[in-house]
Protein backbone atom coordinates (compact mmCIF):
# COMPACT_ATOMS: atom_id res chain seq x y z
CA MET A 1 42.27 -42.91 -94.45
CA LEU A 2 45.82 -44.05 -93.52
CA THR A 3 48.16 -41.43 -92.51
CA ILE A 4 51.71 -41.29 -91.77
CA THR A 5 53.80 -39.73 -89.16
CA LYS A 6 56.00 -36.72 -89.59
CA LYS A 7 58.92 -39.03 -88.73
CA GLN A 8 57.92 -41.55 -91.37
CA LEU A 9 57.56 -38.70 -93.85
CA GLU A 10 60.98 -37.41 -93.01
CA ASP A 11 62.65 -41.22 -93.36
CA TYR A 12 60.74 -41.40 -96.23
CA GLU A 13 62.37 -37.79 -97.97
CA GLN A 14 65.67 -39.03 -96.97
CA LEU A 15 65.28 -42.31 -98.41
CA CYS A 16 64.28 -40.26 -102.03
CA ARG A 17 67.13 -37.61 -101.72
CA ASP A 18 69.85 -41.02 -101.20
CA ARG A 19 68.48 -42.81 -104.33
CA ASN A 20 68.68 -39.20 -105.69
CA ASN A 21 72.60 -38.83 -104.87
CA GLY A 22 73.28 -42.36 -105.53
CA CYS A 23 73.76 -43.23 -102.23
CA LEU A 24 71.52 -46.36 -102.36
CA LEU A 25 73.03 -50.04 -103.29
CA THR A 26 71.16 -52.07 -105.13
CA SER A 27 71.08 -55.75 -105.31
CA ASP A 28 72.20 -55.49 -109.03
CA GLY A 29 75.03 -52.94 -107.29
CA LEU A 30 75.09 -55.71 -104.61
CA ARG A 31 76.38 -57.97 -107.85
CA PHE A 32 78.79 -56.46 -109.23
CA ILE A 33 80.62 -55.84 -106.53
CA CYS A 34 80.36 -58.98 -105.53
CA GLU A 35 81.45 -59.88 -109.23
CA ALA A 36 84.31 -58.03 -109.63
CA CYS A 37 85.38 -59.18 -105.87
CA TYR A 38 85.45 -63.01 -107.69
CA TYR A 39 83.02 -63.85 -104.60
CA ASP A 40 85.95 -63.86 -101.96
CA ALA A 41 84.28 -62.89 -99.08
CA GLU A 42 87.59 -61.27 -97.64
CA LYS A 43 88.13 -58.59 -101.00
CA ILE A 44 84.47 -57.49 -100.62
CA GLY A 45 84.38 -56.83 -97.11
CA GLN A 46 87.71 -54.67 -97.24
CA HIS A 47 86.38 -53.05 -100.24
CA PHE A 48 83.40 -52.15 -97.71
CA LEU A 49 85.31 -51.13 -94.91
CA GLU A 50 87.70 -48.95 -97.44
CA GLU A 51 84.27 -46.97 -99.04
CA LEU A 52 82.87 -46.03 -95.76
CA PRO A 53 84.23 -43.32 -94.66
CA ARG A 54 83.33 -42.14 -98.27
CA ILE A 55 79.87 -43.05 -97.56
CA CYS A 56 79.14 -42.40 -93.85
CA PRO A 57 81.48 -39.31 -93.13
CA LYS A 58 82.22 -39.09 -89.16
CA LYS A 59 79.84 -36.04 -88.01
CA ASP A 60 82.12 -33.36 -85.31
CA ASP A 61 79.83 -33.01 -82.88
């Protein structure tokens, strides 16, 4: 019988929360962003750099 560790269960639960809150980038979502930026690597990179603070806000220690 296979079991998972407590850490694996926590990771899975976090993945489920992220999915439910729309925080996962699917292959279709990535394709959409690339098409919207006309496959220009600089524009795609700039888009993600601009979104990064919104997606991953700094946590105060």
